[in-house]
Amino acid sequence: MPGMPLDDQALDLIFREARTQYGWTGQPVTEGDLRALYDLVKMGPTSANASPARFIFVTSADARTKLVECVSETNRAKVLAAPVAAIIGFDTKFYDKLPQLFPHADARSWFTGSETLARETAFRNSSLQGAYLIIAARALGWDTGPMSGFDKAAVDAQFWAGTDVETNFICSIGRGNGEGLFPRLPRLAFEEAATIL
């Protein structure tokens, strides 16, 4: 119901008890699961509804082998073991979709005159959408393992060649087995990270 906060159980699932996973059970993530996940992710807000994130859900052995070659040694086992490794990218020409996504104004023209503005907007908002992916996956009962240890140029060449899309980060999705978890690391207190003016 709109306006009603989530209960503690839901908040624990999404934030308080959720952990970045390193080991995975064999439970599969189906195409239907990934479509349900995207249907939540796409509802998150972005600047001018730009929706610049693009997703490749790596599930096949061939695609997984290609991705493993692009990630750091410490991330290879994670990519191999997870049911899905999502590559979150950003479309540098996202603005070509704005007549469809933001039809009540000429929003495309806001970005075509500045490559810097377009790139910053694409990266910032795809990062938001990547975070929505993590939260949505947790809300659907999945675990995630976001990672940034990879060769961006190699991932771009293997998975986005011939497009205007570049890689932002990678995130494993599946059912975590809890193995290899560190104790919960500290977080900054409100006073260390926030100011009320």
N, C-alpha and C. Protein backbone atom coordinates (compact mmCIF):
# COMPACT_ATOMS: atom_id res chain seq x y z
N MET A 1 0.85 -1.18 0.00
CA MET A 1 0.00 0.00 0.00
C MET A 1 0.90 1.25 0.00
N PRO A 2 0.65 2.20 -0.90
CA PRO A 2 1.47 3.41 -0.95
C PRO A 2 1.46 4.15 0.38
N GLY A 3 2.60 4.64 0.78
CA GLY A 3 2.71 5.40 2.02
C GLY A 3 2.95 4.56 3.25
N MET A 4 2.87 3.24 3.12
CA MET A 4 3.09 2.36 4.26
C MET A 4 4.53 1.86 4.24
N PRO A 5 5.28 2.05 5.31
CA PRO A 5 6.66 1.57 5.31
C PRO A 5 6.72 0.06 5.32
N LEU A 6 7.82 -0.48 4.79
CA LEU A 6 8.04 -1.91 4.85
C LEU A 6 8.24 -2.33 6.30
N ASP A 7 7.88 -3.57 6.61
CA ASP A 7 8.08 -4.06 7.97
C ASP A 7 9.55 -4.44 8.16
N ASP A 8 9.92 -4.73 9.40
CA ASP A 8 11.31 -5.04 9.72
C ASP A 8 11.82 -6.27 8.97
N GLN A 9 10.96 -7.24 8.75
CA GLN A 9 11.39 -8.44 8.03
C GLN A 9 11.83 -8.07 6.62
N ALA A 10 11.06 -7.22 5.95
CA ALA A 10 11.41 -6.80 4.59
C ALA A 10 12.68 -5.95 4.59
N LEU A 11 12.81 -5.07 5.56
CA LEU A 11 14.02 -4.23 5.64
C LEU A 11 15.25 -5.06 5.94
N ASP A 12 15.10 -6.10 6.76
CA ASP A 12 16.21 -7.01 7.01
C ASP A 12 16.62 -7.72 5.72
N LEU A 13 15.63 -8.18 4.95
CA LEU A 13 15.88 -8.91 3.72
C LEU A 13 16.65 -8.05 2.71
N ILE A 14 16.26 -6.79 2.60
CA ILE A 14 16.84 -5.93 1.57
C ILE A 14 18.12 -5.25 2.03
N PHE A 15 18.20 -4.89 3.31
CA PHE A 15 19.34 -4.09 3.78
C PHE A 15 20.09 -4.70 4.96
N ARG A 16 19.44 -4.85 6.10
CA ARG A 16 20.15 -5.12 7.36
C ARG A 16 20.85 -6.47 7.39
N GLU A 17 20.19 -7.49 6.86
CA GLU A 17 20.77 -8.84 6.90
C GLU A 17 21.35 -9.28 5.57
N ALA A 18 21.10 -8.53 4.52
CA ALA A 18 21.61 -8.89 3.20
C ALA A 18 23.12 -8.73 3.16
N ARG A 19 23.78 -9.64 2.48
CA ARG A 19 25.23 -9.62 2.38
C ARG A 19 25.66 -9.86 0.94
N THR A 20 26.78 -9.29 0.57
CA THR A 20 27.39 -9.62 -0.71
C THR A 20 27.85 -11.07 -0.64
N GLN A 21 27.40 -11.87 -1.58
CA GLN A 21 27.69 -13.30 -1.55
C GLN A 21 28.89 -13.65 -2.43
N TYR A 22 29.63 -14.65 -1.98
CA TYR A 22 30.80 -15.14 -2.71
C TYR A 22 30.64 -16.59 -3.16
N GLY A 23 29.76 -17.33 -2.50
CA GLY A 23 29.50 -18.72 -2.85
C GLY A 23 28.03 -18.90 -3.17
N TRP A 24 27.73 -19.89 -3.99
CA TRP A 24 26.38 -20.03 -4.52
C TRP A 24 25.88 -21.46 -4.45
N THR A 25 24.59 -21.61 -4.21
CA THR A 25 23.96 -22.92 -4.29
C THR A 25 23.72 -23.22 -5.77
N GLY A 26 23.22 -24.39 -6.03
CA GLY A 26 22.92 -24.77 -7.41
C GLY A 26 21.55 -24.33 -7.89
N GLN A 27 20.83 -23.58 -7.08
CA GLN A 27 19.47 -23.19 -7.49
C GLN A 27 19.53 -22.31 -8.73
N PRO A 28 18.84 -22.69 -9.80
CA PRO A 28 18.90 -21.91 -11.03
C PRO A 28 18.09 -20.61 -10.94
N VAL A 29 18.51 -19.65 -11.73
CA VAL A 29 17.75 -18.42 -11.95
C VAL A 29 17.24 -18.51 -13.38
N THR A 30 15.94 -18.55 -13.55
CA THR A 30 15.35 -18.79 -14.87
C THR A 30 15.18 -17.50 -15.65
N GLU A 31 14.88 -17.65 -16.93
CA GLU A 31 14.57 -16.48 -17.74
C GLU A 31 13.38 -15.73 -17.15
N GLY A 32 12.39 -16.46 -16.67
CA GLY A 32 11.25 -15.81 -16.03
C GLY A 32 11.65 -15.01 -14.82
N ASP A 33 12.59 -15.54 -14.03
CA ASP A 33 13.09 -14.82 -12.87
C ASP A 33 13.77 -13.51 -13.30
N LEU A 34 14.57 -13.59 -14.36
CA LEU A 34 15.30 -12.40 -14.82
C LEU A 34 14.34 -11.37 -15.41
N ARG A 35 13.32 -11.82 -16.07
CA ARG A 35 12.32 -10.88 -16.60
C ARG A 35 11.56 -10.20 -15.45
N ALA A 36 11.22 -10.97 -14.43
CA ALA A 36 10.54 -10.38 -13.26
C ALA A 36 11.45 -9.38 -12.57
N LEU A 37 12.74 -9.70 -12.49
CA LEU A 37 13.71 -8.78 -11.91
C LEU A 37 13.77 -7.49 -12.71
N TYR A 38 13.91 -7.59 -14.02
CA TYR A 38 13.99 -6.38 -14.85
C TYR A 38 12.71 -5.55 -14.75
N ASP A 39 11.57 -6.22 -14.65
CA ASP A 39 10.31 -5.49 -14.55
C ASP A 39 10.25 -4.61 -13.31
N LEU A 40 10.98 -4.97 -12.25
CA LEU A 40 11.09 -4.09 -11.09
C LEU A 40 12.15 -3.01 -11.31
N VAL A 41 13.30 -3.42 -11.84
CA VAL A 41 14.41 -2.48 -12.04
C VAL A 41 13.98 -1.31 -12.91
N LYS A 42 13.24 -1.58 -13.97
CA LYS A 42 12.88 -0.52 -14.92
C LYS A 42 11.97 0.54 -14.31
N MET A 43 11.36 0.24 -13.17
CA MET A 43 10.46 1.21 -12.53
C MET A 43 11.19 2.24 -11.68
N GLY A 44 12.47 2.03 -11.41
CA GLY A 44 13.23 2.99 -10.61
C GLY A 44 13.45 4.28 -11.37
N PRO A 45 13.48 5.41 -10.68
CA PRO A 45 13.62 6.71 -11.37
C PRO A 45 15.01 6.94 -11.93
N THR A 46 15.04 7.59 -13.09
CA THR A 46 16.27 8.07 -13.71
C THR A 46 16.01 9.46 -14.27
N SER A 47 17.06 10.21 -14.52
CA SER A 47 16.94 11.57 -15.05
C SER A 47 16.17 11.56 -16.37
N ALA A 48 15.12 12.34 -16.44
CA ALA A 48 14.28 12.43 -17.64
C ALA A 48 13.84 11.05 -18.13
N ASN A 49 13.69 10.13 -17.20
CA ASN A 49 13.30 8.76 -17.53
C ASN A 49 14.25 8.15 -18.57
N ALA A 50 15.51 8.56 -18.53
CA ALA A 50 16.47 8.21 -19.58
C ALA A 50 16.77 6.72 -19.65
N SER A 51 16.75 6.04 -18.53
CA SER A 51 16.94 4.59 -18.49
C SER A 51 18.14 4.13 -19.33
N PRO A 52 19.35 4.65 -19.04
CA PRO A 52 20.50 4.33 -19.89
C PRO A 52 21.12 2.96 -19.64
N ALA A 53 20.75 2.28 -18.57
CA ALA A 53 21.37 0.99 -18.28
C ALA A 53 20.96 -0.05 -19.31
N ARG A 54 21.92 -0.88 -19.65
CA ARG A 54 21.67 -2.04 -20.50
C ARG A 54 22.23 -3.25 -19.76
N PHE A 55 21.57 -4.38 -19.87
CA PHE A 55 21.91 -5.55 -19.08
C PHE A 55 22.18 -6.75 -19.97
N ILE A 56 23.26 -7.42 -19.70
CA ILE A 56 23.51 -8.74 -20.28
C ILE A 56 23.54 -9.73 -19.12
N PHE A 57 22.66 -10.71 -19.16
CA PHE A 57 22.62 -11.73 -18.13
C PHE A 57 23.38 -12.95 -18.65
N VAL A 58 24.57 -13.13 -18.14
CA VAL A 58 25.45 -14.21 -18.60
C VAL A 58 25.06 -15.50 -17.88
N THR A 59 24.59 -16.48 -18.67
CA THR A 59 24.17 -17.76 -18.10
C THR A 59 24.79 -18.94 -18.83
N SER A 60 25.08 -18.79 -20.11
CA SER A 60 25.59 -19.92 -20.88
C SER A 60 27.06 -20.17 -20.58
N ALA A 61 27.51 -21.39 -20.84
CA ALA A 61 28.92 -21.75 -20.61
C ALA A 61 29.84 -20.91 -21.49
N ASP A 62 29.44 -20.68 -22.75
CA ASP A 62 30.27 -19.93 -23.67
C ASP A 62 30.44 -18.47 -23.21
N ALA A 63 29.32 -17.85 -22.85
CA ALA A 63 29.39 -16.45 -22.40
C ALA A 63 30.15 -16.35 -21.08
N ARG A 64 29.96 -17.33 -20.22
CA ARG A 64 30.65 -17.33 -18.93
C ARG A 64 32.17 -17.44 -19.13
N THR A 65 32.59 -18.29 -20.07
CA THR A 65 34.01 -18.42 -20.36
C THR A 65 34.60 -17.11 -20.84
N LYS A 66 33.87 -16.41 -21.70
CA LYS A 66 34.33 -15.11 -22.19
C LYS A 66 34.46 -14.11 -21.05
N LEU A 67 33.48 -14.12 -20.15
CA LEU A 67 33.52 -13.15 -19.05
C LEU A 67 34.64 -13.48 -18.07
N VAL A 68 34.84 -14.75 -17.78
CA VAL A 68 35.90 -15.15 -16.85
C VAL A 68 37.26 -14.64 -17.31
N GLU A 69 37.47 -14.62 -18.62
CA GLU A 69 38.74 -14.13 -19.17
C GLU A 69 38.94 -12.63 -18.94
N CYS A 70 37.86 -11.93 -18.61
CA CYS A 70 37.92 -10.47 -18.47
C CYS A 70 37.98 -10.00 -17.01
N VAL A 71 37.75 -10.90 -16.06
CA VAL A 71 37.68 -10.48 -14.67
C VAL A 71 38.98 -10.80 -13.94
N SER A 72 39.18 -10.16 -12.81
CA SER A 72 40.37 -10.40 -12.01
C SER A 72 40.36 -11.83 -11.47
N GLU A 73 41.53 -12.30 -11.10
CA GLU A 73 41.65 -13.68 -10.62
C GLU A 73 40.74 -13.93 -9.42
N THR A 74 40.60 -12.94 -8.55
CA THR A 74 39.77 -13.13 -7.35
C THR A 74 38.28 -13.21 -7.69
N ASN A 75 37.89 -12.75 -8.87
CA ASN A 75 36.48 -12.77 -9.24
C ASN A 75 36.12 -13.95 -10.14
N ARG A 76 37.10 -14.70 -10.62
CA ARG A 76 36.81 -15.77 -11.57
C ARG A 76 35.92 -16.85 -10.97
N ALA A 77 36.24 -17.28 -9.77
CA ALA A 77 35.43 -18.33 -9.14
C ALA A 77 33.99 -17.85 -8.93
N LYS A 78 33.83 -16.58 -8.61
CA LYS A 78 32.48 -16.03 -8.38
C LYS A 78 31.66 -16.09 -9.66
N VAL A 79 32.29 -15.70 -10.78
CA VAL A 79 31.59 -15.72 -12.06
C VAL A 79 31.25 -17.16 -12.47
N LEU A 80 32.18 -18.08 -12.24
CA LEU A 80 31.95 -19.47 -12.62
C LEU A 80 30.87 -20.14 -11.79
N ALA A 81 30.78 -19.78 -10.50
CA ALA A 81 29.86 -20.47 -9.60
C ALA A 81 28.45 -19.90 -9.61
N ALA A 82 28.31 -18.62 -9.86
CA ALA A 82 26.99 -17.98 -9.78
C ALA A 82 26.10 -18.43 -10.93
N PRO A 83 24.81 -18.63 -10.67
CA PRO A 83 23.89 -18.97 -11.75
C PRO A 83 23.85 -17.92 -12.85
N VAL A 84 23.97 -16.64 -12.45
CA VAL A 84 23.93 -15.53 -13.41
C VAL A 84 25.00 -14.51 -13.03
N ALA A 85 25.68 -14.01 -14.04
CA ALA A 85 26.55 -12.85 -13.85
C ALA A 85 25.98 -11.74 -14.74
N ALA A 86 25.44 -10.72 -14.12
CA ALA A 86 24.85 -9.62 -14.87
C ALA A 86 25.91 -8.58 -15.17
N ILE A 87 26.01 -8.21 -16.44
CA ILE A 87 26.86 -7.09 -16.82
C ILE A 87 25.96 -5.88 -16.95
N ILE A 88 26.20 -4.89 -16.11
CA ILE A 88 25.42 -3.66 -16.15
C ILE A 88 26.21 -2.66 -16.98
N GLY A 89 25.64 -2.27 -18.09
CA GLY A 89 26.29 -1.31 -18.97
C GLY A 89 25.52 -0.01 -19.04
N PHE A 90 26.09 0.95 -19.76
CA PHE A 90 25.38 2.21 -19.98
C PHE A 90 25.49 2.59 -21.45
N ASP A 91 24.36 2.97 -22.01
CA ASP A 91 24.28 3.36 -23.41
C ASP A 91 24.66 4.84 -23.53
N THR A 92 25.78 5.11 -24.17
CA THR A 92 26.24 6.50 -24.29
C THR A 92 25.35 7.31 -25.21
N LYS A 93 24.53 6.63 -26.01
CA LYS A 93 23.56 7.32 -26.89
C LYS A 93 22.13 7.07 -26.40
N PHE A 94 22.00 6.97 -25.08
CA PHE A 94 20.68 6.73 -24.47
C PHE A 94 19.65 7.73 -24.93
N TYR A 95 20.11 8.94 -25.27
CA TYR A 95 19.19 10.02 -25.60
C TYR A 95 18.37 9.73 -26.87
N ASP A 96 18.83 8.80 -27.70
CA ASP A 96 18.04 8.45 -28.88
C ASP A 96 16.72 7.78 -28.52
N LYS A 97 16.62 7.27 -27.30
CA LYS A 97 15.36 6.66 -26.83
C LYS A 97 14.45 7.67 -26.13
N LEU A 98 14.93 8.90 -25.93
CA LEU A 98 14.13 9.86 -25.17
C LEU A 98 12.82 10.27 -25.84
N PRO A 99 12.74 10.34 -27.18
CA PRO A 99 11.41 10.61 -27.76
C PRO A 99 10.37 9.57 -27.35
N GLN A 100 10.81 8.34 -27.12
CA GLN A 100 9.91 7.28 -26.64
C GLN A 100 9.69 7.37 -25.14
N LEU A 101 10.76 7.63 -24.38
CA LEU A 101 10.70 7.55 -22.92
C LEU A 101 10.27 8.85 -22.25
N PHE A 102 10.46 9.98 -22.92
CA PHE A 102 10.13 11.29 -22.35
C PHE A 102 9.46 12.13 -23.44
N PRO A 103 8.28 11.70 -23.90
CA PRO A 103 7.68 12.27 -25.11
C PRO A 103 7.11 13.67 -24.97
N HIS A 104 6.96 14.17 -23.76
CA HIS A 104 6.31 15.47 -23.60
C HIS A 104 7.26 16.66 -23.72
N ALA A 105 8.54 16.39 -24.03
CA ALA A 105 9.51 17.47 -24.25
C ALA A 105 10.59 16.96 -25.18
N ASP A 106 11.32 17.88 -25.79
CA ASP A 106 12.42 17.50 -26.67
C ASP A 106 13.66 17.25 -25.83
N ALA A 107 13.61 16.21 -25.00
CA ALA A 107 14.71 15.93 -24.07
C ALA A 107 15.97 15.46 -24.79
N ARG A 108 15.83 14.89 -25.96
CA ARG A 108 17.01 14.44 -26.70
C ARG A 108 17.99 15.59 -26.92
N SER A 109 17.45 16.75 -27.25
CA SER A 109 18.31 17.92 -27.55
C SER A 109 19.08 18.40 -26.32
N TRP A 110 18.65 18.02 -25.13
CA TRP A 110 19.37 18.42 -23.92
C TRP A 110 20.75 17.77 -23.86
N PHE A 111 20.92 16.65 -24.53
CA PHE A 111 22.14 15.86 -24.39
C PHE A 111 22.99 15.78 -25.66
N THR A 112 22.38 16.02 -26.82
CA THR A 112 23.13 15.85 -28.06
C THR A 112 24.22 16.90 -28.25
N GLY A 113 24.11 18.03 -27.56
CA GLY A 113 25.10 19.09 -27.72
C GLY A 113 26.30 18.96 -26.81
N SER A 114 26.29 18.00 -25.89
CA SER A 114 27.40 17.86 -24.95
C SER A 114 27.67 16.40 -24.67
N GLU A 115 28.76 15.89 -25.25
CA GLU A 115 29.13 14.50 -25.00
C GLU A 115 29.45 14.27 -23.52
N THR A 116 30.03 15.29 -22.88
CA THR A 116 30.36 15.17 -21.45
C THR A 116 29.10 15.01 -20.61
N LEU A 117 28.10 15.86 -20.86
CA LEU A 117 26.85 15.78 -20.11
C LEU A 117 26.16 14.44 -20.37
N ALA A 118 26.15 14.00 -21.63
CA ALA A 118 25.49 12.73 -21.96
C ALA A 118 26.19 11.58 -21.25
N ARG A 119 27.51 11.58 -21.26
CA ARG A 119 28.26 10.48 -20.64
C ARG A 119 28.06 10.47 -19.13
N GLU A 120 28.14 11.64 -18.50
CA GLU A 120 27.92 11.73 -17.05
C GLU A 120 26.52 11.25 -16.69
N THR A 121 25.54 11.65 -17.48
CA THR A 121 24.15 11.25 -17.22
C THR A 121 24.00 9.74 -17.38
N ALA A 122 24.60 9.19 -18.43
CA ALA A 122 24.50 7.75 -18.67
C ALA A 122 25.15 6.96 -17.54
N PHE A 123 26.34 7.37 -17.14
CA PHE A 123 27.04 6.63 -16.09
C PHE A 123 26.32 6.75 -14.75
N ARG A 124 25.93 7.98 -14.40
CA ARG A 124 25.26 8.19 -13.11
C ARG A 124 23.97 7.39 -13.01
N ASN A 125 23.17 7.47 -14.05
CA ASN A 125 21.86 6.82 -13.98
C ASN A 125 21.93 5.31 -14.17
N SER A 126 22.93 4.82 -14.91
CA SER A 126 23.09 3.37 -14.98
C SER A 126 23.58 2.82 -13.64
N SER A 127 24.35 3.64 -12.91
CA SER A 127 24.76 3.22 -11.56
C SER A 127 23.54 3.11 -10.65
N LEU A 128 22.63 4.08 -10.76
CA LEU A 128 21.38 3.99 -10.02
C LEU A 128 20.63 2.71 -10.39
N GLN A 129 20.53 2.43 -11.68
CA GLN A 129 19.78 1.26 -12.11
C GLN A 129 20.47 -0.03 -11.67
N GLY A 130 21.79 -0.02 -11.61
CA GLY A 130 22.50 -1.18 -11.08
C GLY A 130 22.18 -1.40 -9.61
N ALA A 131 22.07 -0.29 -8.86
CA ALA A 131 21.68 -0.40 -7.45
C ALA A 131 20.23 -0.90 -7.33
N TYR A 132 19.37 -0.42 -8.22
CA TYR A 132 18.00 -0.94 -8.21
C TYR A 132 18.00 -2.44 -8.46
N LEU A 133 18.88 -2.91 -9.33
CA LEU A 133 18.96 -4.33 -9.61
C LEU A 133 19.30 -5.12 -8.35
N ILE A 134 20.25 -4.63 -7.57
CA ILE A 134 20.62 -5.30 -6.33
C ILE A 134 19.45 -5.33 -5.36
N ILE A 135 18.80 -4.20 -5.17
CA ILE A 135 17.68 -4.12 -4.23
C ILE A 135 16.50 -4.96 -4.71
N ALA A 136 16.22 -4.89 -6.01
CA ALA A 136 15.09 -5.68 -6.55
C ALA A 136 15.37 -7.17 -6.43
N ALA A 137 16.61 -7.58 -6.71
CA ALA A 137 16.95 -9.00 -6.57
C ALA A 137 16.75 -9.46 -5.14
N ARG A 138 17.21 -8.67 -4.19
CA ARG A 138 17.02 -9.03 -2.78
C ARG A 138 15.54 -9.08 -2.42
N ALA A 139 14.77 -8.13 -2.93
CA ALA A 139 13.33 -8.10 -2.64
C ALA A 139 12.63 -9.34 -3.19
N LEU A 140 13.17 -9.90 -4.26
CA LEU A 140 12.60 -11.11 -4.86
C LEU A 140 13.16 -12.39 -4.25
N GLY A 141 14.01 -12.24 -3.25
CA GLY A 141 14.54 -13.40 -2.55
C GLY A 141 15.87 -13.92 -3.07
N TRP A 142 16.51 -13.18 -4.00
CA TRP A 142 17.80 -13.58 -4.53
C TRP A 142 18.92 -12.89 -3.77
N ASP A 143 20.11 -13.42 -3.90
CA ASP A 143 21.30 -12.78 -3.36
C ASP A 143 22.12 -12.21 -4.51
N THR A 144 23.01 -11.28 -4.18
CA THR A 144 23.82 -10.65 -5.20
C THR A 144 25.28 -10.56 -4.77
N GLY A 145 26.13 -10.39 -5.75
CA GLY A 145 27.55 -10.21 -5.50
C GLY A 145 28.13 -9.20 -6.47
N PRO A 146 27.92 -7.91 -6.22
CA PRO A 146 28.46 -6.89 -7.13
C PRO A 146 29.98 -6.90 -7.11
N MET A 147 30.58 -6.63 -8.26
CA MET A 147 32.04 -6.62 -8.34
C MET A 147 32.51 -5.60 -9.37
N SER A 148 33.70 -5.07 -9.10
CA SER A 148 34.30 -4.13 -10.05
C SER A 148 35.70 -4.54 -10.47
N GLY A 149 36.14 -5.73 -10.11
CA GLY A 149 37.47 -6.19 -10.50
C GLY A 149 37.44 -6.85 -11.86
N PHE A 150 37.55 -6.05 -12.91
CA PHE A 150 37.53 -6.59 -14.27
C PHE A 150 38.21 -5.61 -15.21
N ASP A 151 38.56 -6.11 -16.38
CA ASP A 151 39.15 -5.30 -17.44
C ASP A 151 38.01 -4.74 -18.27
N LYS A 152 37.71 -3.47 -18.06
CA LYS A 152 36.55 -2.85 -18.72
C LYS A 152 36.65 -2.93 -20.24
N ALA A 153 37.83 -2.62 -20.79
CA ALA A 153 38.00 -2.66 -22.24
C ALA A 153 37.74 -4.05 -22.79
N ALA A 154 38.17 -5.07 -22.05
CA ALA A 154 37.96 -6.45 -22.49
C ALA A 154 36.48 -6.83 -22.44
N VAL A 155 35.80 -6.45 -21.36
CA VAL A 155 34.36 -6.74 -21.27
C VAL A 155 33.62 -6.01 -22.38
N ASP A 156 33.96 -4.74 -22.60
CA ASP A 156 33.31 -3.98 -23.67
C ASP A 156 33.51 -4.67 -25.01
N ALA A 157 34.74 -5.12 -25.29
CA ALA A 157 35.04 -5.75 -26.57
C ALA A 157 34.31 -7.09 -26.73
N GLN A 158 34.21 -7.86 -25.65
CA GLN A 158 33.58 -9.17 -25.72
C GLN A 158 32.05 -9.10 -25.80
N PHE A 159 31.47 -8.11 -25.11
CA PHE A 159 30.02 -8.14 -24.95
C PHE A 159 29.27 -6.96 -25.57
N TRP A 160 29.93 -5.83 -25.77
CA TRP A 160 29.23 -4.67 -26.31
C TRP A 160 29.79 -4.21 -27.66
N ALA A 161 30.66 -5.00 -28.28
CA ALA A 161 31.29 -4.60 -29.54
C ALA A 161 30.25 -4.20 -30.58
N GLY A 162 30.52 -3.10 -31.28
CA GLY A 162 29.60 -2.65 -32.32
C GLY A 162 28.41 -1.88 -31.80
N THR A 163 28.39 -1.59 -30.50
CA THR A 163 27.29 -0.82 -29.91
C THR A 163 27.84 0.45 -29.28
N ASP A 164 26.96 1.27 -28.76
CA ASP A 164 27.34 2.47 -28.03
C ASP A 164 27.31 2.24 -26.52
N VAL A 165 27.32 0.98 -26.11
CA VAL A 165 27.21 0.63 -24.70
C VAL A 165 28.59 0.31 -24.13
N GLU A 166 28.82 0.75 -22.90
CA GLU A 166 30.05 0.46 -22.17
C GLU A 166 29.69 -0.17 -20.83
N THR A 167 30.64 -0.88 -20.26
CA THR A 167 30.41 -1.57 -18.99
C THR A 167 30.53 -0.63 -17.81
N ASN A 168 29.61 -0.78 -16.86
CA ASN A 168 29.68 -0.06 -15.59
C ASN A 168 30.23 -1.01 -14.52
N PHE A 169 29.49 -2.08 -14.20
CA PHE A 169 29.99 -3.08 -13.25
C PHE A 169 29.31 -4.41 -13.50
N ILE A 170 29.73 -5.42 -12.76
CA ILE A 170 29.22 -6.79 -12.89
C ILE A 170 28.58 -7.18 -11.56
N CYS A 171 27.54 -7.98 -11.62
CA CYS A 171 26.87 -8.41 -10.39
C CYS A 171 26.37 -9.84 -10.53
N SER A 172 26.87 -10.73 -9.68
CA SER A 172 26.36 -12.10 -9.64
C SER A 172 24.98 -12.12 -9.01
N ILE A 173 24.16 -13.04 -9.49
CA ILE A 173 22.80 -13.19 -8.97
C ILE A 173 22.52 -14.67 -8.78
N GLY A 174 21.94 -15.02 -7.66
CA GLY A 174 21.57 -16.40 -7.39
C GLY A 174 21.15 -16.56 -5.95
N ARG A 175 21.28 -17.76 -5.45
CA ARG A 175 20.99 -18.04 -4.05
C ARG A 175 22.33 -18.30 -3.37
N GLY A 176 22.74 -17.37 -2.51
CA GLY A 176 24.02 -17.50 -1.84
C GLY A 176 24.04 -18.63 -0.84
N ASN A 177 25.22 -19.24 -0.66
CA ASN A 177 25.34 -20.31 0.32
C ASN A 177 25.98 -19.83 1.62
N GLY A 178 26.32 -18.56 1.69
CA GLY A 178 26.88 -17.99 2.92
C GLY A 178 28.34 -18.31 3.16
N GLU A 179 28.97 -19.04 2.26
CA GLU A 179 30.37 -19.41 2.45
C GLU A 179 31.29 -18.24 2.14
N GLY A 180 32.35 -18.12 2.93
CA GLY A 180 33.37 -17.11 2.67
C GLY A 180 33.00 -15.70 3.08
N LEU A 181 31.92 -15.55 3.83
CA LEU A 181 31.51 -14.20 4.24
C LEU A 181 32.41 -13.68 5.35
N PHE A 182 32.76 -12.42 5.26
CA PHE A 182 33.48 -11.75 6.33
C PHE A 182 32.46 -11.33 7.39
N PRO A 183 32.92 -11.08 8.62
CA PRO A 183 32.01 -10.43 9.57
C PRO A 183 31.52 -9.11 8.98
N ARG A 184 30.34 -8.71 9.39
CA ARG A 184 29.78 -7.45 8.88
C ARG A 184 30.76 -6.32 9.12
N LEU A 185 31.11 -5.61 8.08
CA LEU A 185 32.06 -4.49 8.20
C LEU A 185 31.35 -3.26 8.75
N PRO A 186 32.12 -2.36 9.36
CA PRO A 186 31.49 -1.17 9.93
C PRO A 186 30.92 -0.25 8.87
N ARG A 187 30.00 0.58 9.29
CA ARG A 187 29.44 1.62 8.44
C ARG A 187 29.66 2.96 9.14
N LEU A 188 29.68 4.02 8.38
CA LEU A 188 29.84 5.35 8.96
C LEU A 188 28.59 5.74 9.74
N ALA A 189 28.78 6.39 10.86
CA ALA A 189 27.67 6.93 11.62
C ALA A 189 27.07 8.12 10.87
N PHE A 190 25.84 8.43 11.19
CA PHE A 190 25.16 9.57 10.55
C PHE A 190 26.03 10.81 10.60
N GLU A 191 26.61 11.08 11.76
CA GLU A 191 27.39 12.31 11.95
C GLU A 191 28.66 12.34 11.09
N GLU A 192 29.14 11.17 10.70
CA GLU A 192 30.33 11.10 9.85
C GLU A 192 30.03 11.27 8.39
N ALA A 193 28.80 10.98 8.00
CA ALA A 193 28.47 10.95 6.58
C ALA A 193 27.40 11.94 6.14
N ALA A 194 26.70 12.51 7.08
CA ALA A 194 25.55 13.34 6.72
C ALA A 194 25.52 14.65 7.50
N THR A 195 24.94 15.64 6.88
CA THR A 195 24.75 16.95 7.50
C THR A 195 23.33 17.39 7.23
N ILE A 196 22.69 17.98 8.20
CA ILE A 196 21.38 18.58 8.01
C ILE A 196 21.56 20.09 8.06
N LEU A 197 21.22 20.77 7.01
CA LEU A 197 21.37 22.23 6.95
C LEU A 197 20.02 22.92 7.09
